[in-house]
Structure formats: C-alpha cells, structure tokens
C-alpha cells in the first residue's frame, strides 16, 4: 500500500511550469470542439447529426482550417523545427489527396488527416490558461456524470431503445478518464490527497460506464491506463525515447493483434463480456484475405468507395487496419511516423520531462490501445486522440521557454 501511494504522489507535485495567463484563440476553439464531441453523446438525435450526418466532421475540418489560418498569421518567425513539422504534415495531407484520386476513394480521409496533423501543430505553439483547463474539465465531468446516471445496463437497453452504440459511450468514458486525469495535473497540488481522491472517483465512474456498456476494447484501454499510470516507474518513463518506443510497439501490435485474434481467440468461440467474436472475425478475416489482392492498392489504399463497404457497411473496428486499407500501407506508415516524431521530439535536449508531458503521453497511448477495437477512423470523435497529442507537444515546448 505504501509503495502504491508513493507512485501516485510522483504525479502530484506542485507544477514546475505555470500555465499562461491568457489562452490562445485557437486553443479556446479546439477545447470547444473537444467538449462538443463529448456533448454529442448525450442524446441520440445529437449524435446522429454530429456523427452519422457528417456535421461534426465538416465542423471540425472548417473550424481547424480557420484556426490554422490564425496560426499562420500569428507566427512571423518559424524555426527550422517548425518548418520541418509543417512540411511533413503537408506532405502527408498531399499523399492522402493523391491516394483518394487514384482509388476514387473520396476526400474524407484527407479531412481527417488534416484535422489530426494541424491540431498538433496549432496546439504545440498555443498558450492555455488555468481557467480554460478548469472549465473544460468541469464540462467533461458534468457530461460523464449525465452518462453514468443513465448507463445502467446500457448494452442491453440500446437494443430496446433508440440509443447510441454502447461502444461509443464506452469510448467517451475512456476519453473522459484520460482528459480529467490530465487536467487535474494542472490544478494546484497544495492538497494532493484531494486530487488523488478525484482521480479515483473519475476512474471508478469510467469503469462503471464501460462495464455497463460491455465494451471490451475500452476495458482493455482503462486497464492499460491504470497499469501505465500507477505501476510503471516514473524513472523508466523519463528514460530517453522509452515512451516513443512503447507508442511504436502499440501501433505495430495494433495490426498484429488482429491476426493473432483470428488464429487464437476466434477458434475458442469464447464469449467476452457477453459478446461473441463474430463481427470482428468477419471484418478482420476480410482484411487479411483481401488487402493483398492488388499490389498497388496494397501500398496506396483501396479508398472509402471500395466494395468492402457494400459487404459490411462500416469500417474494420480497428484504426490500424482502417488506415492501411483505405490509404494504404504507405499512408499507415506516414501517419505512424508523424505520431512517433512528435513523441520523440519531447525527449530532445538535456531537460527533464515535466509531469504534463509524461501524463499526456500515457493518455495518448491509452487512446492508441482503445483504437484496437475502434469503430472508425474517419469519424469526428477521433479528435479526442490528437488533441491529447497536441497537449503533449504544448506542455513540453512550454518547458523550453
């Protein structure tokens, strides 16, 4: 017990790096998009409009494009590192355009990748105030409490009522757990036991929602989160490029685990959390049997208009397979390189990683694991993942000042 308490307190010192007094306009808008994504899960009609009718996707693309314009106008001087990051991001977006044109795949992935890389670039150079953090945290907690009050037996009730898919609600609980715990790092730690109690309460609420939704991927994510946060030694997390390697391994295993799932789990006909393996068996079997049918498309993707949508009507329930199949192995590798590049950058120099960065990296890896069973890559809810990656870059760059 004493050993566990000591590890918890490693994440509870008074912050070494103060928050900026004024939040950048772009950061305010992105935080608002984050809260809107959470709020869309409160009601089926809102969710239909935001997610299935593409309003959320279009809102994100348009808003982030405007924010990028503000970013460009605000920056009069760029470092060599800034130029490299922007150039790589534009190259990745350009690749997605070419892939979409060749495969007649539509431009949806272009917008999604644009959202991802530009959010990271913008937040990396943004400021954020304590008030913005506090208000965002309170909003997320309020939404999670509303969800928790109505989540009893949610998995079974969704079939009897017009309800949002339980996997989305479970993903919301994972995102809420990650962000609330992260934002608690910014709060004054003069009374650390209160902060630790708040963490335990929000984690318990998240676990309750996930259990009532019977979501296996989200349960795996929350178990991984607790393991990384409470039991991985902080000294190990600070070791140069350790988390970058972990993130890379998680990305690669995200592909490999689907194959292992088919040859190890599926033959057992096991019921995991009351659910069968049938859906993912069909989807992942289809991927491995068909991804190599066309050598060119193996590398550049089959596009979102491929016949797979006619067979199943939705994506692969795995973000790695979804990226690979739709924008190719090249796209998947470029996308992964963008993530790992940003993770690796925080280790540059001789400084010690601050707690904001360490906790943000744990949160992002939790999202990566949640994406093993994610419904879709193109949906606007993926904004949860990459705002966290932007916060990682922001926190560490603030430490350079």
Protein backbone atom coordinates (compact mmCIF):
# COMPACT_ATOMS: atom_id res chain seq x y z
CA UNK A 1 0.00 0.00 0.00
CA UNK A 2 2.82 2.42 0.91
CA UNK A 3 4.59 1.59 -2.33
CA UNK A 4 1.50 2.34 -4.40
CA UNK A 5 0.94 5.62 -2.56
CA UNK A 6 4.48 6.72 -3.31
CA UNK A 7 3.97 6.09 -7.00
CA UNK A 8 0.74 8.06 -7.04
CA UNK A 9 2.45 11.01 -5.37
CA UNK A 10 5.14 11.04 -8.05
CA UNK A 11 2.50 12.59 -10.27
CA UNK A 12 1.26 15.06 -7.67
CA UNK A 13 3.98 17.67 -7.07
CA UNK A 14 3.34 21.37 -7.47
CA UNK A 15 3.71 22.07 -11.22
CA UNK A 16 7.13 23.36 -12.17
CA UNK A 17 5.79 25.12 -15.23
CA UNK A 18 2.98 27.68 -14.69
CA UNK A 19 0.06 27.98 -17.06
CA UNK A 20 -0.02 31.00 -19.32
CA UNK A 21 -2.21 33.90 -18.20
CA UNK A 22 -4.14 34.06 -21.45
CA UNK A 23 -5.38 31.27 -23.69
CA UNK A 24 -4.65 31.48 -27.41
CA UNK A 25 -7.83 31.93 -29.50
CA UNK A 26 -7.02 28.75 -31.45
CA UNK A 27 -6.70 26.74 -28.23
CA UNK A 28 -10.07 28.03 -26.99
CA UNK A 29 -11.74 26.89 -30.22
CA UNK A 30 -10.09 23.46 -30.13
CA UNK A 31 -11.11 22.95 -26.49
CA UNK A 32 -14.65 23.87 -27.52
CA UNK A 33 -14.55 21.22 -30.28
CA UNK A 34 -13.42 18.71 -27.64
CA UNK A 35 -16.40 19.50 -25.39
CA UNK A 36 -18.82 19.38 -28.37
CA UNK A 37 -17.57 15.88 -29.22
CA UNK A 38 -18.34 14.77 -25.66
CA UNK A 39 -21.72 16.52 -25.59
CA UNK A 40 -22.80 14.87 -28.85
CA UNK A 41 -23.03 11.55 -26.97
CA UNK A 42 -25.69 12.83 -24.57
CA UNK A 43 -28.59 12.35 -26.97
CA UNK A 44 -29.21 10.03 -29.92
CA UNK A 45 -30.51 12.82 -32.14
CA UNK A 46 -27.48 15.00 -31.46
CA UNK A 47 -25.20 12.03 -32.11
CA UNK A 48 -26.92 11.23 -35.41
CA UNK A 49 -26.50 14.81 -36.60
CA UNK A 50 -22.95 15.20 -35.32
CA UNK A 51 -21.58 11.81 -36.32
CA UNK A 52 -23.65 10.00 -38.93
CA UNK A 53 -24.81 13.09 -40.86
CA UNK A 54 -21.21 14.35 -41.04
CA UNK A 55 -21.97 17.69 -39.36
CA UNK A 56 -19.23 17.05 -36.79
CA UNK A 57 -16.73 16.12 -39.49
CA UNK A 58 -17.45 19.25 -41.54
CA UNK A 59 -17.47 21.42 -38.42
CA UNK A 60 -14.06 20.11 -37.39
CA UNK A 61 -12.49 20.50 -40.83
CA UNK A 62 -13.80 24.03 -41.32
CA UNK A 63 -13.00 25.20 -37.79
CA UNK A 64 -9.50 23.74 -37.72
CA UNK A 65 -8.79 25.27 -41.14
CA UNK A 66 -9.76 28.69 -39.74
CA UNK A 67 -7.58 28.08 -36.68
CA UNK A 68 -4.67 27.17 -38.95
CA UNK A 69 -5.15 30.47 -40.74
CA UNK A 70 -4.92 32.28 -37.38
CA UNK A 71 -1.82 30.26 -36.57
CA UNK A 72 -0.08 31.23 -39.82
CA UNK A 73 -0.93 34.92 -39.37
CA UNK A 74 0.19 34.94 -35.74
CA UNK A 75 3.59 33.41 -36.45
CA UNK A 76 6.02 35.83 -38.01
CA UNK A 77 9.10 33.73 -37.34
CA UNK A 78 9.47 29.99 -37.81
CA UNK A 79 12.24 27.76 -36.51
CA UNK A 80 13.77 25.04 -38.63
CA UNK A 81 11.88 22.51 -36.49
CA UNK A 82 8.59 24.30 -37.20
CA UNK A 83 9.24 24.23 -40.93
CA UNK A 84 10.11 20.51 -40.88
CA UNK A 85 6.94 19.62 -38.98
CA UNK A 86 4.67 21.71 -41.22
CA UNK A 87 6.35 20.35 -44.36
CA UNK A 88 5.89 16.75 -43.22
CA UNK A 89 2.26 17.43 -42.31
CA UNK A 90 1.55 18.98 -45.72
CA UNK A 91 3.30 16.05 -47.44
CA UNK A 92 1.09 13.59 -45.53
CA UNK A 93 -2.05 15.53 -46.47
CA UNK A 94 -0.89 15.69 -50.09
CA UNK A 95 -0.30 11.94 -50.13
CA UNK A 96 -3.88 11.38 -48.95
CA UNK A 97 -5.17 13.58 -51.78
CA UNK A 98 -3.21 11.56 -54.35
CA UNK A 99 -4.36 8.27 -52.82
CA UNK A 100 -8.00 9.42 -52.92
CA UNK A 101 -7.73 10.49 -56.57
CA UNK A 102 -6.10 7.24 -57.71
CA UNK A 103 -8.51 4.97 -55.82
CA UNK A 104 -11.61 7.14 -56.32
CA UNK A 105 -11.82 6.95 -52.55
CA UNK A 106 -13.33 10.31 -51.79
CA UNK A 107 -11.72 13.11 -49.80
CA UNK A 108 -12.97 12.14 -46.33
CA UNK A 109 -9.60 10.82 -45.24
CA UNK A 110 -7.91 13.99 -46.43
CA UNK A 111 -10.04 15.98 -44.00
CA UNK A 112 -9.43 13.54 -41.16
CA UNK A 113 -5.66 13.54 -41.59
CA UNK A 114 -5.76 17.33 -41.96
CA UNK A 115 -7.60 17.60 -38.64
CA UNK A 116 -5.08 15.33 -36.97
CA UNK A 117 -1.82 16.95 -38.02
CA UNK A 118 -2.99 20.56 -37.91
CA UNK A 119 -4.39 20.21 -34.36
CA UNK A 120 -0.96 19.06 -33.21
CA UNK A 121 0.82 21.91 -34.99
CA UNK A 122 -1.55 24.54 -33.61
CA UNK A 123 -1.59 23.34 -30.01
CA UNK A 124 2.17 22.92 -30.00
CA UNK A 125 2.58 26.71 -30.14
CA UNK A 126 -0.53 27.72 -28.18
CA UNK A 127 -0.98 29.02 -24.66
CA UNK A 128 -3.67 27.84 -22.27
CA UNK A 129 -4.88 29.34 -19.01
CA UNK A 130 -5.91 27.67 -15.78
CA UNK A 131 -9.46 28.96 -16.29
CA UNK A 132 -9.71 27.25 -19.69
CA UNK A 133 -8.41 23.99 -18.23
CA UNK A 134 -10.76 24.19 -15.24
CA UNK A 135 -13.86 24.98 -17.30
CA UNK A 136 -13.13 22.23 -19.83
CA UNK A 137 -12.54 19.76 -17.02
CA UNK A 138 -15.82 20.68 -15.30
CA UNK A 139 -17.73 20.35 -18.58
CA UNK A 140 -16.34 16.87 -19.25
CA UNK A 141 -17.06 15.73 -15.69
CA UNK A 142 -20.65 17.02 -15.94
CA UNK A 143 -21.17 15.13 -19.22
CA UNK A 144 -19.71 11.94 -17.77
CA UNK A 145 -21.98 12.16 -14.72
CA UNK A 146 -25.00 12.54 -17.01
CA UNK A 147 -23.89 9.49 -18.99
CA UNK A 148 -23.22 7.48 -15.83
CA UNK A 149 -26.69 8.16 -14.41
CA UNK A 150 -28.28 6.60 -17.48
CA UNK A 151 -25.77 3.86 -18.27
CA UNK A 152 -27.20 1.04 -16.12
CA UNK A 153 -27.48 -1.99 -18.38
CA UNK A 154 -26.72 0.22 -21.37
CA UNK A 155 -25.53 -2.58 -23.65
CA UNK A 156 -28.84 -4.44 -23.39
CA UNK A 157 -31.00 -1.31 -23.35
CA UNK A 158 -29.57 0.02 -26.61
CA UNK A 159 -31.33 -2.78 -28.50
CA UNK A 160 -34.69 -1.97 -26.93
CA UNK A 161 -34.35 1.80 -27.26
CA UNK A 162 -33.10 4.20 -29.88
CA UNK A 163 -29.70 4.59 -28.25
CA UNK A 164 -26.16 5.36 -29.26
CA UNK A 165 -23.97 2.31 -29.84
CA UNK A 166 -22.57 1.24 -26.48
CA UNK A 167 -19.01 1.18 -27.85
CA UNK A 168 -19.17 4.93 -28.49
CA UNK A 169 -20.37 5.60 -24.95
CA UNK A 170 -17.56 3.42 -23.59
CA UNK A 171 -15.03 5.31 -25.71
CA UNK A 172 -16.39 8.54 -24.25
CA UNK A 173 -15.73 7.20 -20.75
CA UNK A 174 -12.13 6.35 -21.69
CA UNK A 175 -11.63 9.82 -23.17
CA UNK A 176 -13.20 11.43 -20.10
CA UNK A 177 -10.98 9.44 -17.78
CA UNK A 178 -7.87 10.42 -19.74
CA UNK A 179 -8.68 14.12 -20.02
CA UNK A 180 -9.95 14.70 -16.48
CA UNK A 181 -6.91 12.97 -15.01
CA UNK A 182 -4.68 15.01 -17.31
CA UNK A 183 -6.33 18.32 -16.43
CA UNK A 184 -6.03 17.53 -12.73
CA UNK A 185 -2.26 17.77 -13.22
CA UNK A 186 -2.69 21.49 -13.87
CA UNK A 187 -4.54 22.15 -10.61
CA UNK A 188 -2.66 23.44 -7.58
CA UNK A 189 -1.45 20.48 -5.57
CA UNK A 190 -1.30 22.07 -2.12
CA UNK A 191 -3.72 19.31 -1.05
CA UNK A 192 -2.61 16.32 -3.14
CA UNK A 193 -4.87 13.83 -1.36
CA UNK A 194 -7.93 15.63 -2.75
CA UNK A 195 -6.50 15.37 -6.25
CA UNK A 196 -5.83 11.67 -5.78
CA UNK A 197 -9.37 11.15 -4.46
CA UNK A 198 -10.75 12.96 -7.50
CA UNK A 199 -8.71 10.66 -9.76
CA UNK A 200 -10.06 7.56 -8.06
CA UNK A 201 -13.66 8.80 -8.35
CA UNK A 202 -13.40 9.63 -12.06
CA UNK A 203 -11.68 6.30 -12.77
CA UNK A 204 -14.45 4.45 -10.91
CA UNK A 205 -17.14 6.30 -12.90
CA UNK A 206 -15.35 5.45 -16.14
CA UNK A 207 -15.06 1.79 -15.20
CA UNK A 208 -18.76 1.67 -14.30
CA UNK A 209 -19.79 3.14 -17.67
CA UNK A 210 -17.51 0.76 -19.57
CA UNK A 211 -18.81 -2.25 -17.67
CA UNK A 212 -22.44 -1.32 -18.29
CA UNK A 213 -21.62 -0.84 -21.99
CA UNK A 214 -19.84 -4.21 -22.13
CA UNK A 215 -17.07 -2.76 -24.31
CA UNK A 216 -14.03 -4.98 -24.50
CA UNK A 217 -11.75 -2.50 -26.26
CA UNK A 218 -12.49 0.24 -23.76
CA UNK A 219 -11.98 -2.14 -20.84
CA UNK A 220 -8.58 -3.07 -22.27
CA UNK A 221 -7.79 0.65 -22.56
CA UNK A 222 -8.70 1.50 -18.96
CA UNK A 223 -6.73 -1.46 -17.60
CA UNK A 224 -3.72 -0.33 -19.65
CA UNK A 225 -4.16 3.23 -18.42
CA UNK A 226 -4.18 2.22 -14.76
CA UNK A 227 -1.19 -0.05 -15.30
CA UNK A 228 0.90 2.64 -17.01
CA UNK A 229 -0.08 5.43 -14.62
CA UNK A 230 0.22 3.66 -11.29
CA UNK A 231 2.71 0.85 -11.82
CA UNK A 232 5.26 1.94 -14.46
CA UNK A 233 8.16 3.62 -12.62
CA UNK A 234 8.46 7.32 -13.42
CA UNK A 235 12.21 6.97 -13.93
CA UNK A 236 11.55 4.45 -16.68
CA UNK A 237 9.04 6.76 -18.37
CA UNK A 238 11.65 9.53 -18.35
CA UNK A 239 14.26 7.32 -19.97
CA UNK A 240 15.15 8.74 -23.36
CA UNK A 241 12.70 7.66 -26.07
CA UNK A 242 11.19 4.94 -23.87
CA UNK A 243 7.60 6.12 -24.40
CA UNK A 244 8.27 6.69 -28.11
CA UNK A 245 9.28 3.05 -28.44
CA UNK A 246 6.24 1.98 -26.41
CA UNK A 247 3.96 4.01 -28.68
CA UNK A 248 5.58 2.46 -31.77
CA UNK A 249 5.14 -1.05 -30.38
CA UNK A 250 1.46 -0.30 -29.62
CA UNK A 251 0.96 0.90 -33.21
CA UNK A 252 2.57 -2.18 -34.76
CA UNK A 253 0.80 -4.56 -32.40
CA UNK A 254 -2.48 -2.88 -33.36
CA UNK A 255 -2.08 -4.60 -36.73
CA UNK A 256 -0.57 -7.86 -35.47
CA UNK A 257 -3.20 -8.40 -32.76
CA UNK A 258 -5.98 -8.68 -35.35
CA UNK A 259 -4.22 -11.65 -36.95
CA UNK A 260 -3.49 -13.26 -33.58
CA UNK A 261 -7.12 -12.69 -32.59
CA UNK A 262 -8.26 -14.72 -35.61
CA UNK A 263 -5.98 -17.67 -35.04
CA UNK A 264 -6.06 -17.80 -31.22
CA UNK A 265 -9.27 -16.24 -29.84
CA UNK A 266 -11.86 -16.92 -32.56
CA UNK A 267 -11.40 -20.75 -32.65
CA UNK A 268 -12.30 -20.91 -28.94
CA UNK A 269 -15.81 -19.45 -29.61
CA UNK A 270 -15.36 -17.54 -26.38
CA UNK A 271 -17.93 -15.04 -25.13
CA UNK A 272 -16.00 -11.99 -23.95
CA UNK A 273 -18.13 -9.72 -21.73
CA UNK A 274 -21.21 -11.48 -23.07
CA UNK A 275 -20.32 -10.79 -26.71
CA UNK A 276 -19.20 -13.18 -29.42
CA UNK A 277 -16.21 -12.74 -31.72
CA UNK A 278 -18.37 -12.97 -34.87
CA UNK A 279 -18.28 -9.37 -36.12
CA UNK A 280 -14.55 -8.86 -35.82
CA UNK A 281 -13.94 -12.34 -37.13
CA UNK A 282 -15.74 -11.38 -40.37
CA UNK A 283 -14.15 -7.93 -40.68
CA UNK A 284 -10.58 -8.88 -39.87
CA UNK A 285 -10.74 -12.07 -41.93
CA UNK A 286 -11.94 -9.97 -44.89
CA UNK A 287 -8.98 -7.60 -44.42
CA UNK A 288 -6.30 -10.29 -44.33
CA UNK A 289 -7.83 -12.19 -47.24
CA UNK A 290 -8.27 -9.15 -49.48
CA UNK A 291 -5.68 -6.48 -48.64
CA UNK A 292 -3.09 -8.16 -50.89
CA UNK A 293 -5.38 -8.65 -53.91
CA UNK A 294 -3.97 -5.62 -55.71
CA UNK A 295 -0.27 -4.89 -55.31
CA UNK A 296 -0.60 -1.15 -56.00
CA UNK A 297 -3.60 -0.68 -53.70
CA UNK A 298 -1.82 -2.70 -51.01
CA UNK A 299 0.54 0.26 -50.75
CA UNK A 300 -1.69 3.27 -51.62
CA UNK A 301 -5.05 2.01 -50.33
CA UNK A 302 -8.39 0.82 -51.65
CA UNK A 303 -10.27 4.03 -50.78
CA UNK A 304 -13.54 4.56 -48.95
CA UNK A 305 -15.61 3.61 -52.02
CA UNK A 306 -14.26 0.06 -52.08
CA UNK A 307 -16.70 -2.86 -52.28
CA UNK A 308 -15.90 -3.68 -48.63
CA UNK A 309 -18.43 -1.00 -47.66
CA UNK A 310 -21.05 -2.82 -49.76
CA UNK A 311 -20.33 -6.06 -47.89
CA UNK A 312 -20.28 -4.72 -44.33
CA UNK A 313 -21.43 -1.10 -44.45
CA UNK A 314 -18.80 0.10 -41.94
CA UNK A 315 -15.09 0.09 -41.18
CA UNK A 316 -12.82 -2.55 -39.71
CA UNK A 317 -13.32 -1.83 -35.98
CA UNK A 318 -9.56 -1.32 -35.75
CA UNK A 319 -7.91 2.00 -36.52
CA UNK A 320 -4.68 0.45 -37.86
CA UNK A 321 -6.47 -1.79 -40.35
CA UNK A 322 -8.79 1.07 -41.29
CA UNK A 323 -5.92 3.41 -42.15
CA UNK A 324 -4.00 0.70 -44.01
CA UNK A 325 -6.96 -0.47 -46.09
CA UNK A 326 -8.23 2.99 -47.03
CA UNK A 327 -5.00 4.95 -47.59
CA UNK A 328 -2.53 2.10 -47.93
CA UNK A 329 0.50 0.76 -46.11
CA UNK A 330 2.39 3.92 -47.11
CA UNK A 331 -0.31 6.08 -45.52
CA UNK A 332 -0.30 3.99 -42.36
CA UNK A 333 3.49 4.26 -42.03
CA UNK A 334 3.48 8.02 -42.69
CA UNK A 335 0.70 8.53 -40.18
CA UNK A 336 2.54 6.46 -37.57
CA UNK A 337 5.78 8.34 -38.29
CA UNK A 338 4.01 11.65 -37.62
CA UNK A 339 2.87 10.39 -34.22
CA UNK A 340 6.27 8.95 -33.27
CA UNK A 341 8.10 12.05 -34.50
CA UNK A 342 6.06 14.22 -32.15
CA UNK A 343 6.51 11.77 -29.27
CA UNK A 344 10.27 11.66 -29.85
CA UNK A 345 10.60 15.44 -30.00
CA UNK A 346 9.77 15.79 -26.31
CA UNK A 347 12.99 13.98 -25.42
CA UNK A 348 15.19 16.42 -27.34
CA UNK A 349 17.72 18.34 -25.24
CA UNK A 350 19.00 17.65 -21.75
CA UNK A 351 15.94 18.81 -19.83
CA UNK A 352 13.84 16.50 -17.64
CA UNK A 353 10.36 15.63 -18.88
CA UNK A 354 7.72 17.54 -16.95
CA UNK A 355 4.71 15.78 -15.47
CA UNK A 356 2.32 17.34 -18.00
CA UNK A 357 4.24 15.63 -20.82
CA UNK A 358 4.55 12.25 -19.10
CA UNK A 359 0.87 12.12 -18.23
CA UNK A 360 -0.17 13.29 -21.69
CA UNK A 361 1.91 10.54 -23.29
CA UNK A 362 0.29 7.92 -21.07
CA UNK A 363 -3.11 9.29 -22.07
CA UNK A 364 -2.30 9.19 -25.76
CA UNK A 365 -1.04 5.60 -25.55
CA UNK A 366 -4.32 4.73 -23.83
CA UNK A 367 -6.16 6.10 -26.87
CA UNK A 368 -3.92 4.04 -29.15
CA UNK A 369 -4.92 0.88 -27.28
CA UNK A 370 -8.60 1.86 -27.30
CA UNK A 371 -8.30 2.14 -31.09
CA UNK A 372 -7.57 -1.59 -31.33
CA UNK A 373 -11.35 -2.04 -31.29
CA UNK A 374 -12.36 1.43 -32.53
CA UNK A 375 -15.42 1.72 -34.76
CA UNK A 376 -13.98 4.12 -37.31
CA UNK A 377 -11.03 6.30 -38.20
CA UNK A 378 -12.90 8.91 -40.19
CA UNK A 379 -15.41 9.93 -37.53
CA UNK A 380 -15.13 13.29 -35.76
CA UNK A 381 -14.76 11.61 -32.36
CA UNK A 382 -11.15 10.77 -33.27
CA UNK A 383 -10.45 14.41 -32.32
CA UNK A 384 -10.08 13.13 -28.73
CA UNK A 385 -6.88 11.31 -29.65
CA UNK A 386 -4.97 14.05 -31.40
CA UNK A 387 -5.87 16.95 -29.14
CA UNK A 388 -4.02 14.94 -26.49
CA UNK A 389 -1.01 14.59 -28.82
CA UNK A 390 -1.12 18.36 -29.26
CA UNK A 391 -1.18 18.88 -25.49
CA UNK A 392 1.96 16.73 -25.20
CA UNK A 393 3.82 18.98 -27.61
CA UNK A 394 2.42 22.11 -25.93
CA UNK A 395 3.44 21.11 -22.41
CA UNK A 396 6.98 20.19 -23.31
CA UNK A 397 7.55 23.24 -25.53
CA UNK A 398 6.36 25.43 -22.65
CA UNK A 399 9.10 23.80 -20.62
CA UNK A 400 11.66 25.02 -23.16
CA UNK A 401 10.78 28.68 -22.53
